[in-house]
Protein backbone atom coordinates (compact mmCIF):
# COMPACT_ATOMS: atom_id res chain seq x y z
CA UNK A 1 -41.10 -63.35 11.14
CA UNK A 2 -44.44 -61.99 9.91
CA UNK A 3 -47.26 -64.54 9.60
CA UNK A 4 -49.97 -64.71 6.93
CA UNK A 5 -53.07 -66.88 7.37
CA UNK A 6 -55.33 -67.43 4.35
CA UNK A 7 -58.76 -69.06 4.62
CA UNK A 8 -60.39 -70.59 1.55
CA UNK A 9 -62.54 -73.51 0.46
CA UNK A 10 -59.50 -75.17 -1.18
CA UNK A 11 -55.73 -75.00 -1.04
CA UNK A 12 -53.21 -75.19 -3.90
CA UNK A 13 -55.81 -76.44 -6.40
CA UNK A 14 -58.78 -75.21 -8.43
CA UNK A 15 -58.96 -71.53 -9.31
CA UNK A 16 -59.07 -69.84 -5.89
CA UNK A 17 -56.81 -72.47 -4.32
CA UNK A 18 -54.13 -71.75 -6.91
CA UNK A 19 -54.47 -68.06 -6.09
CA UNK A 20 -53.93 -68.67 -2.36
CA UNK A 21 -50.89 -70.80 -3.18
CA UNK A 22 -49.39 -68.20 -5.49
CA UNK A 23 -49.95 -65.45 -2.90
CA UNK A 24 -48.17 -67.65 -0.34
CA UNK A 25 -45.19 -68.13 -2.67
CA UNK A 26 -44.80 -64.38 -3.15
CA UNK A 27 -45.19 -63.74 0.59
CA UNK A 28 -42.56 -66.37 1.40
CA UNK A 29 -40.13 -64.67 -0.97
CA UNK A 30 -40.66 -61.53 1.11
CA UNK A 31 -39.79 -63.42 4.29
CA UNK A 32 -43.29 -64.22 5.57
CA UNK A 33 -44.35 -67.47 7.22
CA UNK A 34 -47.60 -68.61 5.58
CA UNK A 35 -50.55 -70.74 6.69
CA UNK A 36 -53.63 -71.87 4.76
CA UNK A 37 -56.84 -73.15 6.36
CA UNK A 38 -59.15 -74.87 3.89
CA UNK A 39 -62.61 -76.42 3.86
CA UNK A 40 -61.85 -79.32 1.54
CA UNK A 41 -59.78 -80.10 -1.57
CA UNK A 42 -56.06 -79.60 -1.12
CA UNK A 43 -52.79 -80.45 -2.79
CA UNK A 44 -49.31 -80.20 -1.37
CA UNK A 45 -48.58 -76.59 -0.47
CA UNK A 46 -45.65 -74.32 0.31
CA UNK A 47 -47.72 -73.14 3.30
CA UNK A 48 -48.48 -74.84 6.57
CA UNK A 49 -51.99 -76.02 5.75
CA UNK A 50 -54.78 -77.57 7.76
CA UNK A 51 -58.37 -78.54 7.16
CA UNK A 52 -61.33 -76.83 8.81
CA UNK A 53 -63.67 -79.52 10.14
CA UNK A 54 -64.26 -82.94 8.64
CA UNK A 55 -66.14 -84.39 5.71
CA UNK A 56 -68.97 -85.22 8.11
CA UNK A 57 -69.13 -81.54 9.13
CA UNK A 58 -69.44 -80.64 5.46
CA UNK A 59 -72.28 -83.13 4.93
CA UNK A 60 -74.22 -81.78 7.93
CA UNK A 61 -73.70 -78.19 6.79
CA UNK A 62 -74.90 -79.03 3.28
CA UNK A 63 -78.06 -80.67 4.64
CA UNK A 64 -78.86 -77.62 6.80
CA UNK A 65 -78.37 -75.42 3.76
CA UNK A 66 -80.46 -77.50 1.35
CA UNK A 67 -83.33 -77.92 3.81
CA UNK A 68 -83.38 -74.59 5.66
CA UNK A 69 -81.21 -72.11 3.69
CA UNK A 70 -78.53 -72.01 6.40
CA UNK A 71 -75.37 -71.67 4.35
CA UNK A 72 -72.73 -70.20 6.63
CA UNK A 73 -74.71 -70.89 9.80
CA UNK A 74 -73.71 -74.52 10.47
CA UNK A 75 -70.18 -75.90 11.15
CA UNK A 76 -70.25 -74.37 14.62
CA UNK A 77 -67.78 -76.80 16.20
CA UNK A 78 -65.45 -76.71 13.21
CA UNK A 79 -65.35 -72.91 13.28
CA UNK A 80 -64.79 -72.79 17.04
CA UNK A 81 -61.78 -75.08 16.53
CA UNK A 82 -60.55 -72.80 13.73
CA UNK A 83 -60.70 -69.83 16.11
CA UNK A 84 -58.49 -71.67 18.58
CA UNK A 85 -56.04 -72.50 15.79
CA UNK A 86 -55.92 -68.86 14.72
CA UNK A 87 -55.13 -67.90 18.31
CA UNK A 88 -52.26 -70.39 18.35
CA UNK A 89 -50.85 -69.09 15.04
CA UNK A 90 -51.33 -65.41 15.97
CA UNK A 91 -51.09 -64.17 12.35
CA UNK A 92 -50.17 -60.60 11.46
CA UNK A 93 -52.59 -60.64 8.50
CA UNK A 94 -55.73 -62.75 8.03
CA UNK A 95 -56.73 -63.06 4.37
CA UNK A 96 -60.17 -64.44 3.54
CA UNK A 97 -61.15 -65.83 0.14
CA UNK A 98 -64.26 -68.00 -0.46
CA UNK A 99 -65.64 -68.63 3.01
CA UNK A 100 -68.98 -70.02 1.84
CA UNK A 101 -69.55 -73.56 0.49
CA UNK A 102 -70.59 -75.57 3.55
CA UNK A 103 -67.55 -75.41 5.84
CA UNK A 104 -67.61 -72.24 7.98
CA UNK A 105 -69.93 -70.50 10.40
CA UNK A 106 -69.51 -66.85 9.47
CA UNK A 107 -71.16 -65.30 12.61
CA UNK A 108 -68.70 -67.16 14.85
CA UNK A 109 -65.74 -66.28 12.64
CA UNK A 110 -66.73 -62.63 12.18
CA UNK A 111 -67.38 -62.15 15.90
CA UNK A 112 -63.87 -63.38 16.61
CA UNK A 113 -62.31 -61.24 13.86
CA UNK A 114 -64.11 -58.19 15.25
CA UNK A 115 -62.30 -58.70 18.55
CA UNK A 116 -58.86 -58.49 16.93
CA UNK A 117 -56.64 -55.59 15.98
CA UNK A 118 -55.26 -57.75 13.15
CA UNK A 119 -55.85 -56.37 9.64
CA UNK A 120 -58.34 -58.49 7.68
CA UNK A 121 -58.19 -58.69 3.87
CA UNK A 122 -61.08 -60.29 2.00
CA UNK A 123 -60.68 -61.03 -1.71
CA UNK A 124 -64.03 -61.02 -3.47
CA UNK A 125 -64.18 -63.86 -5.99
CA UNK A 126 -67.99 -63.51 -6.30
CA UNK A 127 -70.87 -61.47 -4.84
CA UNK A 128 -71.74 -63.54 -1.74
CA UNK A 129 -70.33 -61.02 0.78
CA UNK A 130 -73.02 -58.42 0.10
CA UNK A 131 -76.08 -60.54 -0.77
CA UNK A 132 -78.58 -62.59 1.17
CA UNK A 133 -76.94 -65.78 -0.04
CA UNK A 134 -76.41 -65.89 -3.80
CA UNK A 135 -72.97 -65.74 -5.42
CA UNK A 136 -74.25 -64.17 -8.65
CA UNK A 137 -77.54 -62.52 -9.51
CA UNK A 138 -77.04 -61.88 -13.26
CA UNK A 139 -79.23 -64.72 -14.48
CA UNK A 140 -82.08 -63.62 -12.17
CA UNK A 141 -81.70 -59.93 -13.03
CA UNK A 142 -82.13 -59.15 -9.33
CA UNK A 143 -81.09 -55.88 -7.67
CA UNK A 144 -82.47 -56.44 -4.17
CA UNK A 145 -78.90 -56.72 -2.83
CA UNK A 146 -78.52 -52.95 -3.16
CA UNK A 147 -80.86 -52.23 -0.27
CA UNK A 148 -82.00 -55.48 1.35
CA UNK A 149 -82.52 -59.00 0.04
CA UNK A 150 -85.86 -60.71 0.60
CA UNK A 151 -87.81 -63.51 -1.05
CA UNK A 152 -84.79 -64.48 -3.10
CA UNK A 153 -85.75 -65.77 -6.58
CA UNK A 154 -82.93 -68.34 -6.33
CA UNK A 155 -84.41 -71.56 -5.02
CA UNK A 156 -81.67 -72.69 -2.63
CA UNK A 157 -83.59 -74.62 0.05
CA UNK A 158 -86.60 -76.92 0.27
CA UNK A 159 -88.47 -75.51 3.26
CA UNK A 160 -87.67 -71.83 3.67
CA UNK A 161 -86.00 -68.75 2.24
CA UNK A 162 -83.72 -66.94 4.68
CA UNK A 163 -82.39 -64.34 2.27
CA UNK A 164 -83.70 -61.40 4.32
CA UNK A 165 -82.39 -62.83 7.59
CA UNK A 166 -79.03 -63.71 6.02
CA UNK A 167 -78.67 -60.26 4.46
CA UNK A 168 -79.28 -58.48 7.77
CA UNK A 169 -77.12 -60.86 9.81
CA UNK A 170 -74.20 -60.74 7.39
CA UNK A 171 -74.27 -56.94 7.31
CA UNK A 172 -74.36 -56.73 11.11
CA UNK A 173 -71.48 -59.16 11.44
CA UNK A 174 -69.36 -57.34 8.87
CA UNK A 175 -70.15 -53.92 10.34
CA UNK A 176 -68.56 -55.09 13.59
CA UNK A 177 -65.19 -55.66 11.88
CA UNK A 178 -63.53 -52.26 11.73
CA UNK A 179 -60.19 -53.36 10.24
CA UNK A 180 -61.52 -55.03 7.07
CA UNK A 181 -60.31 -54.27 3.54
CA UNK A 182 -62.01 -55.68 0.45
CA UNK A 183 -60.04 -56.64 -2.64
CA UNK A 184 -61.96 -57.03 -5.89
CA UNK A 185 -60.40 -59.02 -8.71
CA UNK A 186 -62.27 -56.96 -11.32
CA UNK A 187 -63.38 -53.38 -11.94
CA UNK A 188 -66.89 -54.75 -12.49
CA UNK A 189 -67.16 -56.22 -8.99
CA UNK A 190 -65.62 -53.13 -7.41
CA UNK A 191 -68.46 -51.19 -9.02
CA UNK A 192 -71.02 -53.51 -7.46
CA UNK A 193 -69.36 -53.25 -4.04
CA UNK A 194 -69.59 -49.47 -4.31
CA UNK A 195 -73.35 -49.81 -4.82
CA UNK A 196 -73.80 -52.32 -1.99
CA UNK A 197 -74.17 -51.96 1.77
CA UNK A 198 -70.38 -52.40 1.98
CA UNK A 199 -69.66 -49.27 -0.07
CA UNK A 200 -68.12 -47.53 2.96
CA UNK A 201 -65.22 -50.00 2.99
CA UNK A 202 -61.78 -49.56 1.56
CA UNK A 203 -61.93 -51.45 -1.76
CA UNK A 204 -58.80 -52.27 -3.75
CA UNK A 205 -58.50 -53.91 -7.18
CA UNK A 206 -55.96 -56.68 -7.75
CA UNK A 207 -56.54 -58.73 -10.88
CA UNK A 208 -55.90 -62.46 -10.89
CA UNK A 209 -52.72 -63.65 -12.57
CA UNK A 210 -51.39 -66.84 -14.10
CA UNK A 211 -48.03 -68.54 -14.35
CA UNK A 212 -46.86 -67.09 -17.67
CA UNK A 213 -43.88 -69.47 -17.71
CA UNK A 214 -46.21 -72.50 -17.67
CA UNK A 215 -48.94 -70.97 -19.83
CA UNK A 216 -46.87 -69.99 -22.84
CA UNK A 217 -46.79 -70.46 -26.63
CA UNK A 218 -44.85 -73.75 -26.72
CA UNK A 219 -45.04 -73.95 -30.50
CA UNK A 220 -45.93 -71.84 -33.53
CA UNK A 221 -49.60 -71.65 -34.45
CA UNK A 222 -50.19 -73.34 -37.81
CA UNK A 223 -52.80 -72.14 -40.26
CA UNK A 224 -54.88 -74.99 -41.67
CA UNK A 225 -58.17 -75.74 -43.35
CA UNK A 226 -59.95 -76.06 -40.00
CA UNK A 227 -60.51 -73.32 -37.43
CA UNK A 228 -60.12 -74.61 -33.87
CA UNK A 229 -62.43 -73.23 -31.19
CA UNK A 230 -61.70 -74.01 -27.52
CA UNK A 231 -63.86 -73.72 -24.41
CA UNK A 232 -62.66 -74.52 -20.87
CA UNK A 233 -64.60 -74.61 -17.60
CA UNK A 234 -64.37 -76.40 -14.26
CA UNK A 235 -68.11 -77.12 -14.43
CA UNK A 236 -70.13 -76.85 -17.63
CA UNK A 237 -73.70 -75.72 -17.07
CA UNK A 238 -76.11 -73.02 -18.18
CA UNK A 239 -74.07 -70.37 -16.37
CA UNK A 240 -70.93 -71.26 -18.33
CA UNK A 241 -72.71 -71.34 -21.70
CA UNK A 242 -72.76 -75.03 -22.60
CA UNK A 243 -76.10 -74.68 -24.38
CA UNK A 244 -74.66 -71.83 -26.45
CA UNK A 245 -71.84 -74.05 -27.68
CA UNK A 246 -74.43 -76.61 -28.78
CA UNK A 247 -76.24 -73.88 -30.72
CA UNK A 248 -72.93 -72.71 -32.21
CA UNK A 249 -72.28 -76.20 -33.52
CA UNK A 250 -75.55 -76.12 -35.45
CA UNK A 251 -74.77 -72.70 -36.95
CA UNK A 252 -71.13 -73.15 -37.94
CA UNK A 253 -69.88 -75.16 -40.92
CA UNK A 254 -67.70 -78.25 -40.62
CA UNK A 255 -64.52 -76.23 -41.12
CA UNK A 256 -64.97 -74.99 -37.54
CA UNK A 257 -63.96 -77.56 -34.89
CA UNK A 258 -65.02 -77.17 -31.26
CA UNK A 259 -63.24 -78.68 -28.25
CA UNK A 260 -64.68 -78.36 -24.74
CA UNK A 261 -62.60 -79.18 -21.65
CA UNK A 262 -64.11 -79.92 -18.24
CA UNK A 263 -67.19 -81.93 -19.23
CA UNK A 264 -68.52 -84.89 -17.27
CA UNK A 265 -68.53 -88.33 -18.97
CA UNK A 266 -72.32 -88.07 -19.25
CA UNK A 267 -72.11 -84.66 -20.96
CA UNK A 268 -69.53 -86.03 -23.39
CA UNK A 269 -71.83 -88.93 -24.35
CA UNK A 270 -74.58 -86.45 -25.20
CA UNK A 271 -72.46 -84.17 -27.39
CA UNK A 272 -73.42 -83.81 -31.06
CA UNK A 273 -71.01 -84.64 -33.84
CA UNK A 274 -68.45 -81.90 -34.35
CA UNK A 275 -67.79 -81.18 -30.67
CA UNK A 276 -64.90 -82.97 -29.02
CA UNK A 277 -65.40 -83.35 -25.29
CA UNK A 278 -62.63 -83.77 -22.70
CA UNK A 279 -63.11 -84.32 -18.97
CA UNK A 280 -61.46 -82.00 -16.48
CA UNK A 281 -57.70 -82.38 -16.79
CA UNK A 282 -55.15 -81.93 -14.01
CA UNK A 283 -52.37 -82.22 -16.60
CA UNK A 284 -51.32 -78.62 -17.12
CA UNK A 285 -49.10 -79.49 -20.08
CA UNK A 286 -52.08 -81.03 -21.87
CA UNK A 287 -54.20 -77.94 -21.17
CA UNK A 288 -51.46 -75.65 -22.46
CA UNK A 289 -51.24 -77.64 -25.70
CA UNK A 290 -54.99 -77.26 -26.17
CA UNK A 291 -54.80 -73.49 -25.65
CA UNK A 292 -51.87 -73.17 -28.06
CA UNK A 293 -53.48 -75.27 -30.80
CA UNK A 294 -56.73 -73.29 -30.60
CA UNK A 295 -57.27 -70.44 -33.05
CA UNK A 296 -59.64 -68.77 -30.61
CA UNK A 297 -60.80 -69.26 -27.04
CA UNK A 298 -64.55 -68.71 -26.66
CA UNK A 299 -66.06 -67.92 -23.25
CA UNK A 300 -69.87 -67.55 -23.48
CA UNK A 301 -70.26 -67.15 -19.71
CA UNK A 302 -73.42 -65.72 -18.15
CA UNK A 303 -72.03 -65.11 -14.63
CA UNK A 304 -68.39 -64.43 -13.90
CA UNK A 305 -66.09 -62.13 -12.01
CA UNK A 306 -62.69 -62.30 -13.71
CA UNK A 307 -62.27 -65.74 -15.34
CA UNK A 308 -58.75 -67.14 -15.19
CA UNK A 309 -59.31 -69.11 -18.41
CA UNK A 310 -59.28 -65.90 -20.44
CA UNK A 311 -55.82 -64.93 -19.24
CA UNK A 312 -54.52 -68.49 -19.57
CA UNK A 313 -55.52 -68.36 -23.24
CA UNK A 314 -53.86 -64.97 -23.76
CA UNK A 315 -50.66 -66.20 -22.12
CA UNK A 316 -50.62 -69.07 -24.64
CA UNK A 317 -50.95 -66.59 -27.49
CA UNK A 318 -54.62 -67.33 -28.20
CA UNK A 319 -57.17 -64.50 -28.68
CA UNK A 320 -60.44 -64.55 -26.78
CA UNK A 321 -64.08 -63.97 -27.62
CA UNK A 322 -66.29 -63.49 -24.56
CA UNK A 323 -69.74 -62.32 -23.65
CA UNK A 324 -70.08 -58.90 -22.06
CA UNK A 325 -70.50 -60.55 -18.66
CA UNK A 326 -69.15 -59.33 -15.34
CA UNK A 327 -65.42 -58.70 -15.46
CA UNK A 328 -64.78 -61.16 -18.28
CA UNK A 329 -64.08 -58.48 -20.95
CA UNK A 330 -61.53 -56.73 -18.71
CA UNK A 331 -58.73 -59.10 -19.70
CA UNK A 332 -58.98 -58.00 -23.34
CA UNK A 333 -58.25 -55.02 -25.55
CA UNK A 334 -58.95 -54.45 -29.25
CA UNK A 335 -55.74 -56.30 -30.20
CA UNK A 336 -56.43 -59.45 -28.19
CA UNK A 337 -60.11 -60.25 -28.36
CA UNK A 338 -63.73 -59.46 -29.13
CA UNK A 339 -66.67 -58.85 -26.80
CA UNK A 340 -70.22 -59.93 -27.70
CA UNK A 341 -73.51 -59.06 -26.05
CA UNK A 342 -74.58 -61.79 -23.68
CA UNK A 343 -76.64 -64.53 -25.33
CA UNK A 344 -76.45 -63.08 -28.86
CA UNK A 345 -75.54 -66.25 -30.76
CA UNK A 346 -75.66 -64.59 -34.17
CA UNK A 347 -73.14 -61.98 -33.03
CA UNK A 348 -71.01 -64.73 -31.51
CA UNK A 349 -70.98 -66.61 -34.82
CA UNK A 350 -70.09 -63.39 -36.63
CA UNK A 351 -67.22 -62.71 -34.19
CA UNK A 352 -65.83 -66.22 -34.72
CA UNK A 353 -66.00 -65.83 -38.49
CA UNK A 354 -64.37 -62.41 -38.22
CA UNK A 355 -61.58 -63.94 -36.14
CA UNK A 356 -61.05 -66.58 -38.83
CA UNK A 357 -60.89 -64.06 -41.65
CA UNK A 358 -58.82 -61.50 -39.75
CA UNK A 359 -56.88 -63.33 -37.03
CA UNK A 360 -55.47 -61.33 -34.15
CA UNK A 361 -51.78 -61.45 -33.33
CA UNK A 362 -50.60 -64.20 -31.00
CA UNK A 363 -47.69 -61.95 -30.05
CA UNK A 364 -50.08 -59.21 -28.90
CA UNK A 365 -52.00 -61.71 -26.76
CA UNK A 366 -48.79 -62.91 -25.15
CA UNK A 367 -47.54 -59.35 -24.59
CA UNK A 368 -50.76 -58.35 -22.83
CA UNK A 369 -50.52 -61.32 -20.47
CA UNK A 370 -46.90 -60.48 -19.66
CA UNK A 371 -47.71 -56.84 -19.00
CA UNK A 372 -50.83 -57.25 -16.85
CA UNK A 373 -51.42 -60.83 -15.73
CA UNK A 374 -48.08 -62.26 -14.61
CA UNK A 375 -49.07 -63.81 -11.28
CA UNK A 376 -45.89 -62.72 -9.55
CA UNK A 377 -46.49 -59.08 -10.48
CA UNK A 378 -50.20 -59.30 -9.60
CA UNK A 379 -49.70 -60.93 -6.21
CA UNK A 380 -46.82 -58.65 -5.23
CA UNK A 381 -49.62 -56.11 -4.81
CA UNK A 382 -51.05 -58.19 -1.96
CA UNK A 383 -47.77 -58.10 -0.06
CA UNK A 384 -47.61 -54.31 -0.57
CA UNK A 385 -51.19 -54.09 0.73
CA UNK A 386 -50.32 -56.21 3.78
CA UNK A 387 -47.34 -53.98 4.56
CA UNK A 388 -49.37 -50.79 4.22
CA UNK A 389 -52.09 -52.17 6.50
CA UNK A 390 -49.59 -53.17 9.16
CA UNK A 391 -48.28 -49.61 9.20
CA UNK A 392 -51.85 -48.31 9.62
CA UNK A 393 -52.87 -50.45 12.61
């Protein structure tokens, strides 16, 4: 029986953890035995899963990072143990996801992977693989990653900036792995990879998918006097556009109601009148009801690859308005949403008003999700990729 090992910060929960779980389910249907190694955060899984290191390892790694900009250079013992576990499993495919976030030592892992003939697949959920340490550089308008990071404008550590050292080391480590294939979840990120120092790699595109049976129009949308605007994020901050929602509230009349999901209790206490705040919900049925009841899903993100929330909204029959950020517009077409220049609040207000006056078809939104973002169809492409790689090596 073929064996798949996936490595990610989380397993069977949060955005990338759900992706690893859904890939495992598809692989199992094809007769694979699946394993998931995770850094922290896990729910029950269909895979054999195990944690990399301990919480104490994570704390020590975080301290090294915050003081000396050593993300990915701590967790030496934890990564050495992971290598031994990989040897015991002897997987046919090793699939990497987010390997940063204070739980892995990438030089140790990459040195080991370079010694194998096993095909390595690495799904790019952000830009960390080809930078000196940052996951996104949009807000800083930085292009140093194209040739060589140095003096990173992102203030990650208290005492030093290792962006140049990290950039060189990461490139050297990756260059030693000959059997590595990148998968981008958006056309936008594939374009960046093709401009980066990893442009010589094989780069595939496989968009993220969602469970279109769970995320579905559970009831008819009802036209009323109010126009319901929904925003959803795992963490609400400047990058996700929280400040822009506050500005929207001041510019829209009372007939527009805003609901934000994923806020902290403190953020909810500080909300102005007219914005309903909800903490992060693990109740999928509740989230689906919120998507379905919304007249439009608004995603004013400033840094994103291919946000799952957009396709969750479409699957529930709700059109989307998003900033022209990263791969966020790629989920939409002219029948299912509108795209606004990043940070242009006046244009965002106009788009919302346009959506109210000329609503887009819920049926078209649902049809697009069924055609392009059914997770089973999307993640079948990974199994086909695995099979093609095994024939090549």
